[in-house]
Protein backbone atom coordinates (compact mmCIF):
# COMPACT_ATOMS: atom_id res chain seq x y z
CA UNK A 1 -13.33 -0.12 12.09
CA UNK A 2 -10.67 -1.89 14.11
CA UNK A 3 -7.41 -3.06 12.58
CA UNK A 4 -6.44 -6.69 12.23
CA UNK A 5 -3.13 -8.08 13.43
CA UNK A 6 -0.42 -7.28 10.92
CA UNK A 7 0.73 -10.20 8.78
CA UNK A 8 2.29 -12.37 7.76
CA UNK A 9 0.42 -15.04 9.68
CA UNK A 10 1.68 -18.60 9.97
CA UNK A 11 -0.06 -21.83 10.82
CA UNK A 12 1.50 -24.24 13.30
CA UNK A 13 0.35 -27.83 13.79
CA UNK A 14 -0.24 -28.53 17.49
CA UNK A 15 0.18 -31.94 19.11
CA UNK A 16 -1.54 -33.35 22.16
CA UNK A 17 0.95 -35.52 24.03
CA UNK A 18 1.99 -38.38 21.77
CA UNK A 19 -1.21 -38.37 19.72
CA UNK A 20 -1.40 -36.10 16.70
CA UNK A 21 -4.67 -34.17 16.60
CA UNK A 22 -6.06 -31.93 13.86
CA UNK A 23 -5.42 -28.64 15.67
CA UNK A 24 -3.70 -25.66 14.08
CA UNK A 25 -2.71 -22.36 15.66
CA UNK A 26 -2.58 -19.27 13.49
CA UNK A 27 -0.33 -16.50 14.71
CA UNK A 28 2.70 -14.30 14.29
CA UNK A 29 6.03 -14.38 16.01
CA UNK A 30 5.61 -10.79 17.16
CA UNK A 31 1.96 -10.71 18.23
CA UNK A 32 1.39 -14.30 19.32
CA UNK A 33 -1.66 -16.49 18.63
CA UNK A 34 -4.54 -15.10 16.58
CA UNK A 35 -6.78 -18.14 16.15
CA UNK A 36 -7.00 -21.85 16.82
CA UNK A 37 -8.64 -24.21 14.32
CA UNK A 38 -9.81 -27.73 15.09
CA UNK A 39 -9.52 -29.80 18.22
CA UNK A 40 -13.17 -30.68 18.65
CA UNK A 41 -12.57 -34.35 17.83
CA UNK A 42 -14.97 -34.73 14.93
CA UNK A 43 -13.21 -32.78 12.18
CA UNK A 44 -11.59 -34.23 9.10
CA UNK A 45 -7.84 -33.40 9.43
CA UNK A 46 -7.59 -32.24 5.80
CA UNK A 47 -10.54 -29.85 6.24
CA UNK A 48 -9.08 -28.47 9.47
CA UNK A 49 -5.72 -27.85 7.78
CA UNK A 50 -7.42 -26.24 4.75
CA UNK A 51 -9.31 -23.89 7.06
CA UNK A 52 -6.05 -23.01 8.86
CA UNK A 53 -4.36 -22.25 5.51
CA UNK A 54 -7.21 -19.98 4.46
CA UNK A 55 -7.19 -18.08 7.76
CA UNK A 56 -3.39 -17.73 7.75
CA UNK A 57 -3.54 -16.28 4.22
CA UNK A 58 -6.08 -13.59 5.13
CA UNK A 59 -3.61 -10.65 5.33
CA UNK A 60 -2.10 -11.45 1.91
CA UNK A 61 -5.52 -11.93 0.33
CA UNK A 62 -6.79 -8.64 1.81
CA UNK A 63 -3.73 -6.70 0.63
CA UNK A 64 -3.90 -8.14 -2.88
CA UNK A 65 -7.62 -7.43 -3.18
CA UNK A 66 -6.96 -3.82 -2.15
CA UNK A 67 -4.26 -3.47 -4.82
CA UNK A 68 -6.51 -4.82 -7.56
CA UNK A 69 -9.46 -2.68 -6.48
CA UNK A 70 -7.40 0.53 -6.20
CA UNK A 71 -5.79 -0.07 -9.59
CA UNK A 72 -9.16 -0.71 -11.23
CA UNK A 73 -10.60 2.47 -9.69
CA UNK A 74 -7.61 4.50 -10.93
CA UNK A 75 -8.18 3.13 -14.43
CA UNK A 76 -11.85 4.13 -14.58
CA UNK A 77 -12.33 7.18 -16.78
CA UNK A 78 -8.72 7.12 -17.91
CA UNK A 79 -6.81 5.23 -20.51
CA UNK A 80 -7.57 1.74 -19.25
CA UNK A 81 -4.84 0.24 -21.44
CA UNK A 82 -2.24 1.97 -19.27
CA UNK A 83 -3.50 0.00 -16.27
CA UNK A 84 -3.80 -3.43 -17.90
CA UNK A 85 -0.22 -4.49 -17.09
CA UNK A 86 -0.60 -3.43 -13.47
CA UNK A 87 -3.95 -5.18 -13.15
CA UNK A 88 -2.50 -8.34 -14.74
CA UNK A 89 0.45 -8.30 -12.32
CA UNK A 90 -1.82 -7.82 -9.34
CA UNK A 91 -4.22 -10.47 -10.57
CA UNK A 92 -1.28 -12.89 -10.76
CA UNK A 93 -0.45 -11.96 -7.13
CA UNK A 94 -4.06 -12.65 -6.18
CA UNK A 95 -3.98 -16.06 -7.85
CA UNK A 96 -0.72 -16.89 -6.03
CA UNK A 97 -2.30 -15.89 -2.70
CA UNK A 98 -5.35 -18.01 -3.43
CA UNK A 99 -3.13 -20.95 -4.37
CA UNK A 100 -1.26 -20.56 -1.08
CA UNK A 101 -4.51 -20.37 0.86
CA UNK A 102 -6.01 -23.41 -0.83
CA UNK A 103 -2.80 -25.39 -1.44
CA UNK A 104 -3.61 -25.57 -5.18
């Protein structure tokens, strides 16, 4: 399995001359562009931006999902109560990442 580009990823709104177009670049300062979303002329600008937000949030979502999964696995067969606070904290992190990705 290959590795993805290390986060955090940011989205940047691109402009075409003087006309604003629904095109977003996802990338990092260190590694450069990762993806480009939109620019085909038919897309709804809000949908294009929502897709860019979701893509840019991928590293945070992946990391948070790993934390939750690893914590749940550690709690199996043990005193699950000891892991409830950790799971709750990580679930809150997951909800924050989802909110960032979906702007909700």
